N, C-alpha and C. Protein backbone atom coordinates (compact mmCIF):
# COMPACT_ATOMS: atom_id res chain seq x y z
N MET A 1 -0.07 0.58 -16.49
CA MET A 1 0.79 1.28 -16.52
C MET A 1 0.26 3.03 -16.09
N SER A 2 0.84 3.71 -15.29
CA SER A 2 0.23 5.09 -15.15
C SER A 2 1.25 6.15 -14.92
N TYR A 3 1.41 7.33 -15.36
CA TYR A 3 2.27 8.42 -15.72
C TYR A 3 1.36 9.76 -15.45
N THR A 4 2.07 10.77 -15.05
CA THR A 4 1.98 12.09 -15.03
C THR A 4 2.69 13.08 -15.76
N VAL A 5 2.08 13.95 -16.80
CA VAL A 5 3.19 14.77 -17.28
C VAL A 5 2.67 16.52 -16.67
N PHE A 6 4.01 16.86 -16.25
CA PHE A 6 4.02 17.93 -15.58
C PHE A 6 4.76 19.16 -16.45
N GLN A 7 4.05 20.31 -16.73
CA GLN A 7 4.23 21.40 -17.49
C GLN A 7 4.95 22.28 -16.63
N ALA A 8 6.28 22.74 -16.96
CA ALA A 8 6.81 23.98 -15.80
C ALA A 8 5.97 25.12 -15.72
N ASP A 9 5.44 25.60 -16.62
CA ASP A 9 4.35 26.94 -16.50
C ASP A 9 2.97 26.54 -16.32
N GLU A 10 2.90 25.38 -15.85
CA GLU A 10 1.06 25.09 -15.44
C GLU A 10 1.71 24.65 -13.98
N LEU A 11 2.84 24.66 -13.01
CA LEU A 11 2.85 24.33 -11.71
C LEU A 11 1.97 25.14 -11.18
N ALA A 12 1.41 24.82 -9.95
CA ALA A 12 0.92 25.58 -9.01
C ALA A 12 1.68 25.79 -7.68
N PHE A 13 2.42 26.81 -7.53
CA PHE A 13 3.18 27.09 -6.34
C PHE A 13 2.33 27.56 -5.29
N GLU A 14 2.79 26.95 -4.12
CA GLU A 14 2.08 27.41 -2.82
C GLU A 14 2.96 28.07 -1.89
N PRO A 15 2.70 29.22 -1.17
CA PRO A 15 3.81 29.76 -0.37
C PRO A 15 4.02 28.66 0.78
N ARG A 16 5.16 28.35 1.47
CA ARG A 16 5.70 27.29 2.29
C ARG A 16 4.79 27.78 3.74
N SER A 17 4.83 28.93 4.06
CA SER A 17 3.80 29.49 5.15
C SER A 17 4.17 31.01 5.15
N GLU A 18 3.23 31.49 6.10
CA GLU A 18 3.56 33.11 6.14
C GLU A 18 4.70 33.77 6.42
N THR A 19 5.44 32.98 6.92
CA THR A 19 7.03 33.58 7.40
C THR A 19 8.06 33.26 6.76
N ASP A 20 7.65 32.17 5.65
CA ASP A 20 9.06 31.54 5.07
C ASP A 20 8.40 32.07 3.59
N PRO A 21 9.64 32.60 2.84
CA PRO A 21 9.42 33.44 1.66
C PRO A 21 9.31 32.21 0.41
N ARG A 22 9.60 31.02 0.81
CA ARG A 22 9.72 30.15 -0.40
C ARG A 22 8.59 29.21 -0.82
N SER A 23 8.30 28.87 -1.99
CA SER A 23 7.00 28.44 -2.31
C SER A 23 7.28 27.14 -3.12
N ILE A 24 6.15 26.16 -2.90
CA ILE A 24 6.55 24.88 -3.25
C ILE A 24 5.45 24.28 -4.39
N ALA A 25 5.84 23.52 -5.53
CA ALA A 25 4.60 22.68 -5.98
C ALA A 25 4.91 21.40 -5.96
N SER A 26 4.01 20.92 -5.61
CA SER A 26 4.31 19.15 -5.19
C SER A 26 3.86 18.46 -6.61
N LEU A 27 4.87 17.57 -6.43
CA LEU A 27 4.78 16.61 -7.58
C LEU A 27 4.31 15.08 -7.08
N SER A 28 4.16 14.95 -5.42
CA SER A 28 4.19 13.91 -4.81
C SER A 28 2.86 13.03 -4.99
N GLU A 29 1.66 13.50 -5.32
CA GLU A 29 0.80 13.11 -5.47
C GLU A 29 0.80 12.09 -6.67
N ALA A 30 1.73 12.30 -7.54
CA ALA A 30 1.79 11.18 -8.76
C ALA A 30 3.10 10.05 -8.22
N LEU A 31 3.46 10.02 -7.38
CA LEU A 31 4.16 8.99 -6.85
C LEU A 31 3.69 8.17 -5.52
N ALA A 32 4.34 7.21 -5.53
CA ALA A 32 3.77 5.85 -4.51
C ALA A 32 5.04 5.63 -3.65
N GLU A 33 6.27 5.47 -4.13
CA GLU A 33 7.50 4.93 -3.42
C GLU A 33 8.30 5.92 -3.17
N SER A 34 8.30 7.10 -3.49
CA SER A 34 8.90 8.33 -3.48
C SER A 34 8.14 9.92 -3.10
N ARG A 35 8.81 11.04 -3.23
CA ARG A 35 8.72 12.27 -3.02
C ARG A 35 9.19 12.88 -3.97
N ALA A 36 8.47 13.97 -4.67
CA ALA A 36 9.34 14.92 -5.34
C ALA A 36 8.33 16.51 -5.11
N ASN A 37 9.18 17.38 -5.31
CA ASN A 37 8.71 19.10 -5.54
C ASN A 37 9.45 19.67 -6.18
N VAL A 38 8.78 20.75 -6.51
CA VAL A 38 9.81 21.80 -7.36
C VAL A 38 9.27 23.17 -6.34
N TRP A 39 10.89 23.60 -6.02
CA TRP A 39 10.79 24.87 -4.96
C TRP A 39 11.04 25.75 -5.67
N ARG A 40 10.69 26.95 -5.10
CA ARG A 40 10.96 28.42 -5.48
C ARG A 40 12.09 29.24 -4.41
N TYR A 41 13.19 29.49 -4.28
CA TYR A 41 13.77 30.40 -3.24
C TYR A 41 14.04 31.72 -3.82
N PRO A 42 13.46 32.72 -3.47
CA PRO A 42 13.67 34.11 -3.77
C PRO A 42 15.34 34.41 -3.39
N PRO A 43 15.76 35.49 -3.73
CA PRO A 43 17.20 35.82 -3.01
C PRO A 43 17.10 35.71 -1.72
N SER A 44 18.18 35.23 -0.63
CA SER A 44 18.53 35.41 0.35
C SER A 44 17.16 34.34 1.42
N ALA A 45 16.58 33.76 0.37
CA ALA A 45 16.04 32.65 1.21
C ALA A 45 16.74 31.41 1.56
N GLN A 46 16.57 30.71 2.61
CA GLN A 46 16.97 29.34 3.03
C GLN A 46 16.17 28.39 3.55
N GLY A 47 16.45 27.42 3.90
CA GLY A 47 15.79 26.28 4.06
C GLY A 47 16.62 26.05 5.72
N LYS A 48 16.04 25.31 6.27
CA LYS A 48 16.26 25.00 7.77
C LYS A 48 17.62 23.81 7.56
N ARG A 49 18.66 24.13 8.74
CA ARG A 49 19.81 23.19 8.55
C ARG A 49 19.23 21.90 9.29
N HIS A 50 19.30 20.62 8.54
CA HIS A 50 18.64 19.66 9.45
C HIS A 50 19.20 18.39 8.80
N ARG A 51 18.79 17.34 9.41
CA ARG A 51 19.68 15.72 9.21
C ARG A 51 18.30 15.04 8.61
N ASP A 52 18.22 14.35 7.34
CA ASP A 52 16.90 13.42 7.34
C ASP A 52 17.24 12.07 7.66
N LEU A 53 16.59 11.77 8.62
CA LEU A 53 16.80 10.21 9.06
C LEU A 53 16.49 9.19 8.30
N ALA A 54 15.30 9.56 7.22
CA ALA A 54 14.64 8.09 6.81
C ALA A 54 14.99 8.38 4.98
N GLN A 55 15.24 9.52 4.67
CA GLN A 55 15.22 9.58 3.23
C GLN A 55 16.65 10.09 2.43
N GLU A 56 16.94 9.70 1.49
CA GLU A 56 18.00 10.09 0.85
C GLU A 56 17.25 11.21 -0.62
N GLU A 57 18.14 12.24 -0.61
CA GLU A 57 17.43 13.06 -1.45
C GLU A 57 18.48 13.54 -3.01
N VAL A 58 17.72 13.91 -3.68
CA VAL A 58 18.40 14.32 -5.08
C VAL A 58 17.83 16.01 -5.43
N PHE A 59 18.80 16.52 -5.36
CA PHE A 59 18.63 18.18 -5.57
C PHE A 59 18.97 18.61 -7.03
N VAL A 60 18.15 19.15 -7.76
CA VAL A 60 18.32 19.30 -9.37
C VAL A 60 18.30 21.18 -9.71
N VAL A 61 19.29 21.64 -9.88
CA VAL A 61 19.14 23.12 -9.71
C VAL A 61 18.47 23.34 -11.07
N LEU A 62 17.27 23.93 -11.39
CA LEU A 62 16.57 24.17 -12.59
C LEU A 62 16.79 25.69 -13.10
N ALA A 63 17.08 26.88 -12.36
CA ALA A 63 17.54 28.00 -12.36
C ALA A 63 18.09 28.57 -11.25
N GLY A 64 19.05 29.68 -11.22
CA GLY A 64 19.64 30.35 -10.33
C GLY A 64 21.09 29.35 -10.03
N THR A 65 21.41 29.71 -8.83
CA THR A 65 22.39 28.99 -8.21
C THR A 65 22.22 28.43 -6.64
N LEU A 66 22.45 27.36 -6.35
CA LEU A 66 22.21 26.64 -4.79
C LEU A 66 23.43 26.88 -4.35
N THR A 67 23.23 27.21 -3.06
CA THR A 67 24.55 27.35 -2.18
C THR A 67 23.95 26.31 -1.20
N VAL A 68 24.41 25.26 -1.04
CA VAL A 68 24.41 24.31 0.27
C VAL A 68 25.48 24.01 0.98
N ASP A 69 25.34 23.95 2.19
CA ASP A 69 26.03 23.48 3.17
C ASP A 69 25.87 22.06 3.41
N LEU A 70 27.10 21.17 3.41
CA LEU A 70 26.68 19.75 3.86
C LEU A 70 27.77 19.15 5.13
N GLY A 71 27.41 18.29 5.53
CA GLY A 71 28.02 17.49 6.81
C GLY A 71 28.30 18.67 7.73
N ASP A 72 29.06 18.17 8.95
CA ASP A 72 29.58 18.76 9.88
C ASP A 72 30.78 18.38 10.50
N PRO A 73 31.66 19.29 10.18
CA PRO A 73 31.61 20.69 10.30
C PRO A 73 30.79 20.96 8.80
N PRO A 74 30.26 21.52 8.52
CA PRO A 74 29.50 22.14 7.07
C PRO A 74 30.62 22.65 6.22
N GLU A 75 30.53 21.92 4.91
CA GLU A 75 31.19 22.63 3.57
C GLU A 75 30.03 23.05 2.88
N ARG A 76 30.57 24.10 2.21
CA ARG A 76 29.82 24.92 1.09
C ARG A 76 30.03 24.73 -0.30
N HIS A 77 28.82 24.46 -1.01
CA HIS A 77 29.16 24.26 -2.14
C HIS A 77 28.10 25.24 -3.18
N GLU A 78 28.44 25.85 -3.99
CA GLU A 78 27.81 26.62 -5.16
C GLU A 78 27.66 25.69 -6.18
N VAL A 79 26.18 25.58 -6.69
CA VAL A 79 25.67 24.36 -7.56
C VAL A 79 25.07 25.20 -8.95
N PRO A 80 25.34 25.62 -9.63
CA PRO A 80 24.66 26.62 -10.88
C PRO A 80 23.82 25.39 -11.53
N ARG A 81 23.12 26.39 -12.55
CA ARG A 81 21.69 25.47 -12.85
C ARG A 81 22.41 24.57 -13.84
N GLY A 82 21.44 23.63 -13.66
CA GLY A 82 21.72 22.01 -14.51
C GLY A 82 22.62 21.16 -13.61
N GLY A 83 23.14 21.59 -12.45
CA GLY A 83 23.99 21.14 -11.48
C GLY A 83 23.14 20.13 -10.64
N LEU A 84 23.45 18.96 -9.78
CA LEU A 84 22.90 18.10 -9.13
C LEU A 84 23.76 17.81 -7.82
N VAL A 85 23.08 17.54 -7.01
CA VAL A 85 23.53 17.21 -5.58
C VAL A 85 22.87 15.93 -4.91
N VAL A 86 23.44 14.84 -4.72
CA VAL A 86 23.08 13.49 -4.01
C VAL A 86 23.56 13.99 -2.78
N VAL A 87 22.19 13.50 -1.55
CA VAL A 87 22.72 13.41 -0.48
C VAL A 87 22.02 11.92 0.09
N GLU A 88 23.24 11.28 1.04
CA GLU A 88 22.58 10.45 1.56
C GLU A 88 21.90 10.43 3.01
N ARG A 89 21.06 9.69 3.08
CA ARG A 89 20.42 9.66 4.63
C ARG A 89 21.25 9.89 5.89
N GLY A 90 20.89 10.44 6.68
CA GLY A 90 21.69 11.15 7.73
C GLY A 90 22.53 12.24 7.60
N THR A 91 22.90 12.91 6.52
CA THR A 91 23.82 13.71 6.19
C THR A 91 23.09 15.23 6.36
N ILE A 92 23.94 15.81 7.59
CA ILE A 92 23.61 17.48 7.70
C ILE A 92 23.50 18.29 6.80
N LEU A 93 22.49 18.81 6.13
CA LEU A 93 22.58 20.11 4.88
C LEU A 93 21.71 20.97 5.32
N GLN A 94 21.78 22.10 4.52
CA GLN A 94 21.00 23.35 4.69
C GLN A 94 21.25 23.97 3.35
N LEU A 95 19.86 24.21 2.53
CA LEU A 95 19.96 25.14 1.30
C LEU A 95 19.83 26.38 1.36
N ARG A 96 20.20 26.95 0.22
CA ARG A 96 19.88 28.74 0.41
C ARG A 96 20.19 29.28 -0.98
N ASN A 97 19.51 30.10 -1.13
CA ASN A 97 19.75 31.10 -2.32
C ASN A 97 20.55 32.29 -1.84
N ALA A 98 21.90 32.17 -2.09
CA ALA A 98 22.80 33.34 -1.82
C ALA A 98 23.14 34.38 -2.92
N GLY A 99 22.46 33.99 -4.15
CA GLY A 99 22.32 35.09 -5.61
C GLY A 99 21.63 36.02 -5.48
N GLU A 100 21.27 36.82 -6.51
CA GLU A 100 20.37 37.75 -6.44
C GLU A 100 19.08 37.68 -7.48
N GLU A 101 19.26 36.27 -8.21
CA GLU A 101 18.00 36.06 -8.89
C GLU A 101 17.31 34.73 -8.12
N GLU A 102 16.08 34.49 -8.65
CA GLU A 102 15.36 33.50 -7.85
C GLU A 102 16.07 31.82 -8.25
N LEU A 103 16.13 31.13 -6.99
CA LEU A 103 16.78 29.68 -7.17
C LEU A 103 15.34 28.82 -7.35
N VAL A 104 15.46 28.09 -8.36
CA VAL A 104 14.38 26.74 -8.82
C VAL A 104 15.01 25.57 -8.39
N LEU A 105 14.73 24.63 -7.60
CA LEU A 105 15.15 23.36 -7.40
C LEU A 105 13.94 22.44 -7.74
N PHE A 106 14.31 21.19 -8.17
CA PHE A 106 13.62 20.00 -8.46
C PHE A 106 14.29 19.33 -7.25
N ILE A 107 13.17 18.90 -6.41
CA ILE A 107 14.02 17.65 -5.15
C ILE A 107 13.14 16.69 -5.26
N TYR A 108 14.04 15.45 -5.38
CA TYR A 108 13.71 14.00 -5.32
C TYR A 108 13.91 13.26 -3.83
N GLY A 109 13.08 12.60 -3.31
CA GLY A 109 13.51 12.22 -1.96
C GLY A 109 12.70 10.76 -1.94
N ALA A 110 13.32 9.41 -1.44
CA ALA A 110 13.11 8.32 -1.26
C ALA A 110 13.56 7.67 -0.20
N PRO A 111 12.75 6.78 0.71
CA PRO A 111 11.24 6.57 0.77
C PRO A 111 10.39 7.96 0.76
N PRO A 112 9.21 7.69 0.59
CA PRO A 112 8.31 8.77 1.12
C PRO A 112 8.09 9.37 2.16
N GLU A 113 8.87 9.45 3.01
CA GLU A 113 8.97 9.73 4.59
C GLU A 113 8.90 11.15 4.73
N THR A 114 7.95 11.69 5.89
CA THR A 114 8.21 12.81 6.24
C THR A 114 8.12 12.90 7.99
N ASP A 115 8.62 14.09 8.41
CA ASP A 115 8.36 14.24 9.70
C ASP A 115 9.54 13.13 10.37
N LYS A 116 10.49 12.79 9.76
CA LYS A 116 11.57 11.95 10.44
C LYS A 116 12.88 13.02 9.94
N ALA A 117 13.32 13.90 10.90
CA ALA A 117 14.17 14.52 10.62
C ALA A 117 14.93 15.59 12.16
N GLU A 118 16.12 15.56 12.39
CA GLU A 118 16.56 16.36 13.18
C GLU A 118 17.07 17.93 12.93
N PHE A 119 16.73 18.91 13.58
CA PHE A 119 17.23 20.35 13.01
C PHE A 119 18.31 20.76 14.11
N PHE A 120 19.31 21.84 13.37
CA PHE A 120 20.08 22.32 13.97
C PHE A 120 20.10 23.63 13.60
N ASP A 121 21.06 24.59 14.41
CA ASP A 121 21.31 26.04 14.28
C ASP A 121 21.67 26.15 12.76
N PRO A 122 21.28 27.29 12.15
CA PRO A 122 21.77 27.65 11.03
C PRO A 122 22.76 27.76 10.89
N VAL A 123 23.64 27.58 9.48
CA VAL A 123 24.94 27.98 8.91
C VAL A 123 24.96 29.56 8.78
N PRO A 124 25.87 30.48 9.14
CA PRO A 124 25.56 32.00 9.26
C PRO A 124 26.05 31.82 7.55
């Protein structure tokens, strides 16, 4: 049996890209059959509106409030700290931080597929 313990104050966050204000701490190297990451969204940051064709995902709000637009047409939901969102494969979604404090999310997906998504115009 194998395991990995991650401490919140020891996570190594990396910028998503030069043009994206979000940062990510990858936990996926400890997993074989799924993916997991902790994300930081500063105020006003948002992810791309997309539909994952391979993964189902779970979003856990660790700090702040998640604003998520789900489905088509999109339904907006506000999810405070401690809340969870479960999204089936094929559901269109967009994550954002519409609040004034940092949003921290634990995101878990299975199977560990990447690059199997369709992208859409963002929700205003």
